[in-house]
Amino acid sequence: MLKTGIVGLPNVGKSTLFNALVEAAQAEAANFPFCTIEPNTGIVSVPDERLDVLARIVSSRTIIPTRIEYVDIAGLVRGASQGEGLGNQFLAHIRQVDAIVHVVRCFENGDIVHVDGSVDPVRDISTINLELALSDLGQVDKRLQKISKQSKVAKEQYALEIDTLTKLEAVLNEGKPARAAGLNDEELTTIAALELLTLKPVIYAANVSDAELSTGNAYTQQVEALAKEENAQMVVICAQLEAELAELDKEERQAYLSELGVTDSGIQRMIQATYELLGLVTFFTAGEKEVRAWTIIKGTTAPGAAGTIHTDFERGFIRAQTVAYKDLVTAGSNSAARDKGWLRAEGKEYIVKDGDVMHFLFNT
């Protein structure tokens, strides 16, 4: 399951967003730093309207969406890498996630204390990113010291790792993320065990008031420009609004959003951004028993997709009966799609596309 960490300074709306994500107030949201002491974890169903449509076509009463695990991590402050605030215990939690949602305060509110006394998203982002980079630098230096001694008797064995760590050390010493080192796949593999924080893909969630959700503001423009520089994703959200939307049914939620001039929630956009950032796509299995969404990495072959369901499916893969979601909806049924030639038999080389509806045939 995809695991995403929610980070940021204290009082930027992290826990409010988390509460909205899991549709239950499992994380205490309060107006003081370090309200979140232990990381709160929630499993979130990924909204996908295609599931409802498929369920109607195949007359299935059971729908199983794909899911994302979100971890709400206590607010970080300047000096966290050296133990300030509640320090390194939180940085350790971030190492275990696949992607980071960095919540940035982009709203003015005199009733909500800012840990640095004023709203400045670029400064706030810099504070968090520097702490993550310094924490990574400590990891890199520690590893370099260890293998430098070992390499004296096994030079070739550690040559690539030492070169890679040296590259990272230079970049991190400048306060830049490890992503800026431009490592190739072989180099990334050799340092994977370090789980460097600044190698993880980042989505900046610019938290605004509901009045500015559709238009953004000068602060969100700053975040957007910074995200472009870093090749990161950026979404505009209103965490408080998301918490309110979580308590409404689907029709009320859509009406509320329409009043604000937006078509979908910030949570939906954030999930979509996560998928794009990590290069993920969704395929479906659909039958009378259940309709289900499955998440795979873009470029996965049909046997690999089958393996996400069960390893036996991949091992004994014969072929995959496949129809594009749009074609199935247009046809109205599998039999009609077959008659039109839209239901195809795909083999081991087929690259699964987003929206493919698949039925796997395999040897037991």
Protein backbone atom coordinates (compact mmCIF):
# COMPACT_ATOMS: atom_id res chain seq x y z
CA MET A 1 0.00 0.00 0.00
CA LEU A 2 1.19 3.49 -0.90
CA LYS A 3 2.31 5.33 2.24
CA THR A 4 2.41 9.12 2.39
CA GLY A 5 3.65 11.34 5.23
CA ILE A 6 2.06 14.71 6.03
CA VAL A 7 4.66 17.20 7.29
CA GLY A 8 5.05 20.92 7.93
CA LEU A 9 5.59 23.50 10.62
CA PRO A 10 3.28 23.55 13.65
CA ASN A 11 -0.14 25.17 13.12
CA VAL A 12 -0.19 24.98 9.31
CA GLY A 13 -3.23 22.64 9.13
CA LYS A 14 -1.59 19.22 8.95
CA SER A 15 -3.76 17.48 11.53
CA THR A 16 -6.90 19.19 10.26
CA LEU A 17 -6.12 17.85 6.80
CA PHE A 18 -5.39 14.40 8.20
CA ASN A 19 -8.69 14.38 10.07
CA ALA A 20 -10.48 15.22 6.83
CA LEU A 21 -8.59 12.51 4.98
CA VAL A 22 -9.64 9.74 7.32
CA GLU A 23 -13.08 11.30 7.89
CA ALA A 24 -12.67 10.96 11.64
CA ALA A 25 -10.95 13.16 14.21
CA GLN A 26 -8.26 10.65 15.11
CA ALA A 27 -5.58 13.33 15.33
CA GLU A 28 -6.11 16.13 17.84
CA ALA A 29 -5.97 19.46 16.05
CA ALA A 30 -5.03 22.24 18.48
CA ASN A 31 -3.60 25.73 18.38
CA PHE A 32 -0.17 24.99 19.81
CA PRO A 33 3.03 23.29 18.58
CA PHE A 34 3.62 19.55 19.01
CA CYS A 35 -0.05 18.71 19.51
CA THR A 36 0.64 15.50 17.56
CA ILE A 37 3.04 13.48 19.71
CA GLU A 38 2.90 10.10 17.98
CA PRO A 39 2.36 9.76 14.24
CA ASN A 40 -1.31 9.16 13.47
CA THR A 41 -2.02 6.74 10.66
CA GLY A 42 -5.14 6.47 8.53
CA ILE A 43 -6.09 4.29 5.58
CA VAL A 44 -7.87 6.33 2.92
CA SER A 45 -9.97 4.97 0.06
CA VAL A 46 -9.00 6.57 -3.24
CA PRO A 47 -12.11 8.17 -4.79
CA ASP A 48 -12.75 6.90 -8.32
CA GLU A 49 -16.14 7.40 -9.95
CA ARG A 50 -15.32 4.71 -12.52
CA LEU A 51 -15.90 2.05 -9.87
CA ASP A 52 -19.58 2.97 -9.49
CA VAL A 53 -20.07 2.90 -13.25
CA LEU A 54 -18.41 -0.51 -13.59
CA ALA A 55 -20.49 -1.89 -10.73
CA ARG A 56 -23.67 -0.90 -12.56
CA ILE A 57 -22.49 -2.48 -15.80
CA VAL A 58 -21.62 -5.86 -14.25
CA SER A 59 -24.37 -5.76 -11.58
CA SER A 60 -21.93 -5.99 -8.68
CA ARG A 61 -22.94 -4.93 -5.18
CA THR A 62 -19.40 -4.90 -3.79
CA ILE A 63 -16.94 -2.12 -4.63
CA ILE A 64 -13.36 -2.19 -3.36
CA PRO A 65 -11.33 0.95 -4.10
CA THR A 66 -7.57 1.12 -3.93
CA ARG A 67 -6.16 2.75 -0.80
CA ILE A 68 -3.44 5.10 0.45
CA GLU A 69 -2.01 5.14 3.96
CA TYR A 70 -1.43 8.64 5.36
CA VAL A 71 0.78 9.37 8.35
CA ASP A 72 0.34 12.65 10.23
CA ILE A 73 3.71 13.62 11.69
CA ALA A 74 4.16 16.22 14.45
CA GLY A 75 5.14 19.74 13.43
CA LEU A 76 8.83 20.25 12.75
CA VAL A 77 10.70 23.42 13.74
CA ARG A 78 14.07 24.96 13.00
CA GLY A 79 16.72 22.75 14.60
CA ALA A 80 14.63 19.54 14.43
CA SER A 81 17.56 17.67 12.87
CA GLN A 82 19.55 18.53 16.02
CA GLY A 83 16.73 17.56 18.37
CA GLU A 84 14.88 20.88 18.69
CA GLY A 85 11.18 20.61 19.47
CA LEU A 86 10.52 16.90 19.45
CA GLY A 87 13.23 16.47 16.82
CA ASN A 88 14.62 13.36 15.27
CA GLN A 89 11.97 10.93 16.49
CA PHE A 90 9.62 12.50 13.90
CA LEU A 91 12.20 12.58 11.12
CA ALA A 92 12.59 8.83 11.60
CA HIS A 93 8.86 8.36 10.93
CA ILE A 94 9.14 10.21 7.61
CA ARG A 95 11.83 7.80 6.39
CA GLN A 96 9.25 5.04 6.17
CA VAL A 97 6.94 6.74 3.64
CA ASP A 98 6.90 6.64 -0.18
CA ALA A 99 6.03 10.32 -0.68
CA ILE A 100 5.72 13.48 1.39
CA VAL A 101 2.83 15.94 1.47
CA HIS A 102 4.33 19.19 2.76
CA VAL A 103 1.51 21.38 4.10
CA VAL A 104 2.33 25.09 3.81
CA ARG A 105 0.39 27.87 5.50
CA CYS A 106 -0.90 30.32 2.89
CA PHE A 107 -3.60 32.06 4.92
CA GLU A 108 -3.70 34.94 7.38
CA ASN A 109 -5.47 34.39 10.72
CA GLY A 110 -4.55 36.35 13.83
CA ASP A 111 -6.20 33.73 16.04
CA ILE A 112 -3.85 30.97 14.90
CA VAL A 113 -0.30 31.40 16.12
CA HIS A 114 2.52 31.07 13.58
CA VAL A 115 5.62 29.52 15.11
CA ASP A 116 7.84 32.15 13.40
CA GLY A 117 5.50 35.08 13.98
CA SER A 118 4.40 35.74 10.38
CA VAL A 119 3.15 33.97 7.25
CA ASP A 120 5.96 33.40 4.74
CA PRO A 121 5.57 30.16 2.75
CA VAL A 122 8.98 30.29 1.05
CA ARG A 123 10.74 30.74 4.41
CA ASP A 124 8.62 28.00 5.98
CA ILE A 125 9.37 25.56 3.15
CA SER A 126 13.06 26.40 3.41
CA THR A 127 12.99 25.70 7.17
CA ILE A 128 11.52 22.22 6.72
CA ASN A 129 13.65 21.34 3.69
CA LEU A 130 16.84 22.42 5.45
CA GLU A 131 16.04 20.24 8.46
CA LEU A 132 15.37 17.26 6.20
CA ALA A 133 18.61 17.89 4.30
CA LEU A 134 20.63 18.18 7.54
CA SER A 135 19.12 14.97 8.83
CA ASP A 136 20.08 13.24 5.57
CA LEU A 137 23.58 14.69 5.78
CA GLY A 138 23.97 13.05 9.18
CA GLN A 139 22.93 9.72 7.69
CA VAL A 140 25.31 10.09 4.75
CA ASP A 141 28.28 11.11 6.91
CA LYS A 142 27.67 8.23 9.30
CA ARG A 143 27.59 5.72 6.45
CA LEU A 144 30.67 7.22 4.80
CA GLN A 145 32.69 6.92 7.99
CA LYS A 146 31.70 3.29 8.38
CA ILE A 147 32.45 2.08 4.84
CA SER A 148 35.59 4.19 4.42
CA LYS A 149 37.24 1.90 6.96
CA GLN A 150 35.81 -1.24 5.34
CA SER A 151 36.86 -0.13 1.84
CA LYS A 152 40.52 -0.27 2.80
CA VAL A 153 40.30 -4.07 2.56
CA ALA A 154 37.52 -4.26 -0.06
CA LYS A 155 37.98 -1.21 -2.26
CA GLU A 156 36.03 -2.40 -5.31
CA GLN A 157 33.08 -3.57 -3.23
CA TYR A 158 32.43 -0.09 -1.83
CA ALA A 159 33.70 2.11 -4.68
CA LEU A 160 30.30 2.94 -6.17
CA GLU A 161 28.68 3.56 -2.80
CA ILE A 162 31.48 5.86 -1.67
CA ASP A 163 31.30 7.85 -4.92
CA THR A 164 27.51 8.14 -4.55
CA LEU A 165 27.69 9.20 -0.92
CA THR A 166 30.35 11.78 -1.75
CA LYS A 167 28.06 13.29 -4.40
CA LEU A 168 25.22 13.42 -1.89
CA GLU A 169 27.42 14.95 0.80
CA ALA A 170 28.36 17.84 -1.48
CA VAL A 171 24.73 18.59 -2.39
CA LEU A 172 23.39 18.25 1.16
CA ASN A 173 26.16 20.46 2.55
CA GLU A 174 24.71 23.24 0.38
CA GLY A 175 21.31 22.71 2.02
CA LYS A 176 19.89 21.24 -1.20
CA PRO A 177 17.79 18.04 -1.34
CA ALA A 178 19.39 14.74 -2.32
CA ARG A 179 17.18 14.84 -5.44
CA ALA A 180 19.45 17.62 -6.74
CA ALA A 181 22.38 15.18 -6.97
CA GLY A 182 20.86 13.65 -10.12
CA LEU A 183 21.71 10.06 -9.20
CA ASN A 184 21.21 7.29 -11.75
CA ASP A 185 19.35 4.05 -11.03
CA GLU A 186 22.50 2.15 -10.04
CA GLU A 187 23.54 4.89 -7.61
CA LEU A 188 20.04 5.10 -6.15
CA THR A 189 20.04 1.35 -5.55
CA THR A 190 23.33 1.41 -3.68
CA ILE A 191 22.08 3.96 -1.12
CA ALA A 192 18.43 2.84 -0.95
CA ALA A 193 18.80 1.43 2.57
CA LEU A 194 19.46 4.93 3.94
CA GLU A 195 15.87 5.96 3.04
CA LEU A 196 16.96 9.56 2.56
CA LEU A 197 14.19 12.04 3.28
CA THR A 198 15.10 14.49 0.52
CA LEU A 199 15.04 11.77 -2.14
CA LYS A 200 11.34 11.24 -1.55
CA PRO A 201 8.94 12.91 -3.99
CA VAL A 202 7.14 15.95 -2.55
CA ILE A 203 3.71 17.47 -3.00
CA TYR A 204 3.30 20.97 -1.61
CA ALA A 205 -0.22 21.48 -0.23
CA ALA A 206 -0.83 25.23 -0.07
CA ASN A 207 -3.42 25.67 2.68
CA VAL A 208 -5.69 28.67 2.08
CA SER A 209 -8.98 30.04 3.40
CA ASP A 210 -12.16 28.80 1.68
CA ALA A 211 -12.65 32.24 0.08
CA GLU A 212 -9.35 31.85 -1.79
CA LEU A 213 -9.68 28.19 -2.75
CA SER A 214 -10.73 28.83 -6.35
CA THR A 215 -8.37 31.76 -7.00
CA GLY A 216 -5.36 31.17 -4.77
CA ASN A 217 -3.39 34.18 -3.53
CA ALA A 218 0.06 35.76 -3.57
CA TYR A 219 1.32 33.09 -1.16
CA THR A 220 0.16 30.18 -3.33
CA GLN A 221 1.86 31.80 -6.33
CA GLN A 222 5.13 31.70 -4.40
CA VAL A 223 4.64 28.01 -3.57
CA GLU A 224 3.76 27.21 -7.18
CA ALA A 225 6.92 28.90 -8.46
CA LEU A 226 9.08 27.03 -5.94
CA ALA A 227 7.44 23.70 -6.80
CA LYS A 228 8.21 24.26 -10.49
CA GLU A 229 11.86 24.90 -9.68
CA GLU A 230 12.02 21.59 -7.79
CA ASN A 231 9.93 19.59 -10.31
CA ALA A 232 7.54 18.91 -7.43
CA GLN A 233 3.74 18.81 -7.44
CA MET A 234 1.61 21.55 -5.87
CA VAL A 235 -2.09 21.64 -4.96
CA VAL A 236 -4.20 24.35 -3.35
CA ILE A 237 -6.34 23.10 -0.47
CA CYS A 238 -8.43 24.44 2.38
CA ALA A 239 -7.90 21.98 5.23
CA GLN A 240 -10.75 23.40 7.31
CA LEU A 241 -13.13 23.11 4.36
CA GLU A 242 -12.02 19.51 3.74
CA ALA A 243 -12.88 18.70 7.36
CA GLU A 244 -16.35 20.16 6.85
CA LEU A 245 -16.84 18.34 3.53
CA ALA A 246 -16.00 15.03 5.20
CA GLU A 247 -19.21 15.32 7.23
CA LEU A 248 -21.47 15.86 4.17
CA ASP A 249 -22.96 13.32 1.77
CA LYS A 250 -21.86 13.26 -1.87
CA GLU A 251 -24.56 15.59 -3.26
CA GLU A 252 -24.18 18.16 -0.46
CA ARG A 253 -20.41 18.07 -0.88
CA GLN A 254 -20.61 18.77 -4.62
CA ALA A 255 -23.10 21.60 -4.10
CA TYR A 256 -20.84 23.19 -1.50
CA LEU A 257 -17.83 23.00 -3.83
CA SER A 258 -19.84 24.50 -6.69
CA GLU A 259 -20.72 27.47 -4.51
CA LEU A 260 -17.00 28.05 -3.97
CA GLY A 261 -16.28 27.82 -7.70
CA VAL A 262 -14.31 24.55 -7.67
CA THR A 263 -15.21 21.20 -9.23
CA ASP A 264 -13.46 18.76 -6.92
CA SER A 265 -12.03 18.68 -3.42
CA GLY A 266 -8.43 19.41 -2.53
CA ILE A 267 -8.12 15.85 -1.24
CA GLN A 268 -9.04 14.47 -4.67
CA ARG A 269 -6.49 16.74 -6.33
CA MET A 270 -3.87 15.76 -3.75
CA ILE A 271 -4.42 12.05 -4.37
CA GLN A 272 -4.26 12.60 -8.14
CA ALA A 273 -1.04 14.56 -7.70
CA THR A 274 0.41 11.72 -5.61
CA TYR A 275 -0.36 9.22 -8.37
CA GLU A 276 1.19 11.46 -11.02
CA LEU A 277 4.26 12.13 -8.91
CA LEU A 278 4.90 8.44 -8.24
CA GLY A 279 4.01 7.35 -11.78
CA LEU A 280 1.06 5.19 -10.75
CA VAL A 281 -1.94 3.99 -12.76
CA THR A 282 -5.12 2.11 -11.88
CA PHE A 283 -6.59 -0.98 -13.52
CA PHE A 284 -9.82 -2.75 -12.63
CA THR A 285 -11.23 -6.21 -12.20
CA ALA A 286 -15.00 -6.38 -12.56
CA GLY A 287 -17.38 -9.28 -11.98
CA GLU A 288 -20.64 -10.05 -10.24
CA LYS A 289 -18.80 -10.80 -7.01
CA GLU A 290 -16.92 -7.49 -6.83
CA VAL A 291 -15.54 -4.53 -8.72
CA ARG A 292 -12.06 -3.63 -7.55
CA ALA A 293 -9.35 -1.05 -8.29
CA TRP A 294 -5.67 -1.98 -8.28
CA THR A 295 -2.67 0.35 -8.25
CA ILE A 296 0.48 -0.40 -10.25
CA ILE A 297 3.53 1.52 -11.47
CA LYS A 298 3.17 2.94 -14.96
CA GLY A 299 4.88 0.60 -17.43
CA THR A 300 3.90 -2.61 -15.62
CA THR A 301 3.25 -5.59 -17.91
CA ALA A 302 0.11 -7.73 -17.78
CA PRO A 303 1.79 -10.53 -15.75
CA GLY A 304 3.10 -7.94 -13.28
CA ALA A 305 -0.40 -6.51 -12.89
CA ALA A 306 -1.74 -10.03 -12.35
CA GLY A 307 0.87 -10.46 -9.62
CA THR A 308 -0.58 -7.56 -7.63
CA ILE A 309 -3.70 -9.70 -7.21
CA HIS A 310 -1.89 -12.94 -6.40
CA THR A 311 1.60 -14.24 -7.10
CA ASP A 312 0.08 -17.41 -8.60
CA PHE A 313 -1.59 -15.26 -11.27
CA GLU A 314 1.78 -13.92 -12.37
CA ARG A 315 3.56 -17.25 -12.17
CA GLY A 316 0.98 -19.08 -14.27
CA PHE A 317 -0.03 -16.17 -16.52
CA ILE A 318 -1.50 -17.19 -19.89
CA ARG A 319 -3.23 -14.04 -21.15
CA ALA A 320 -5.39 -11.13 -20.01
CA GLN A 321 -8.80 -10.36 -21.45
CA THR A 322 -8.69 -6.58 -21.58
CA VAL A 323 -11.03 -3.74 -22.46
CA ALA A 324 -10.50 -0.02 -21.96
CA TYR A 325 -12.86 1.51 -19.40
CA LYS A 326 -14.28 4.04 -21.90
CA ASP A 327 -14.92 1.32 -24.48
CA LEU A 328 -16.70 -0.87 -21.93
CA VAL A 329 -18.90 2.04 -20.87
CA THR A 330 -19.71 2.86 -24.49
CA ALA A 331 -20.51 -0.79 -25.28
CA GLY A 332 -22.54 -1.28 -22.13
CA SER A 333 -21.43 -4.86 -21.45
CA ASN A 334 -18.53 -7.25 -21.92
CA SER A 335 -20.41 -9.19 -24.62
CA ALA A 336 -21.16 -6.01 -26.56
CA ALA A 337 -17.51 -4.93 -26.22
CA ARG A 338 -16.46 -8.33 -27.56
CA ASP A 339 -18.82 -8.00 -30.54
CA LYS A 340 -17.28 -4.63 -31.39
CA GLY A 341 -13.77 -6.07 -31.14
CA TRP A 342 -12.91 -3.94 -28.13
CA LEU A 343 -12.34 -6.87 -25.76
CA ARG A 344 -8.81 -8.03 -26.51
CA ALA A 345 -6.58 -10.95 -25.51
CA GLU A 346 -3.26 -9.47 -24.34
CA GLY A 347 -0.08 -11.43 -23.72
CA LYS A 348 3.00 -11.18 -21.54
CA GLU A 349 4.45 -8.11 -23.27
CA TYR A 350 1.35 -5.95 -22.92
CA ILE A 351 1.82 -2.74 -20.90
CA VAL A 352 -1.23 -2.13 -18.74
CA LYS A 353 -2.86 1.27 -19.22
CA ASP A 354 -4.78 3.39 -16.74
CA GLY A 355 -8.44 2.37 -16.81
CA ASP A 356 -7.93 -1.10 -18.28
CA VAL A 357 -10.59 -3.57 -17.13
CA MET A 358 -8.90 -6.98 -16.98
CA HIS A 359 -9.66 -10.65 -16.46
CA PHE A 360 -6.60 -12.88 -16.08
CA LEU A 361 -6.30 -16.45 -17.31
CA PHE A 362 -3.56 -18.53 -15.68
CA ASN A 363 -2.34 -22.06 -15.03
CA THR A 364 -2.54 -23.29 -11.45
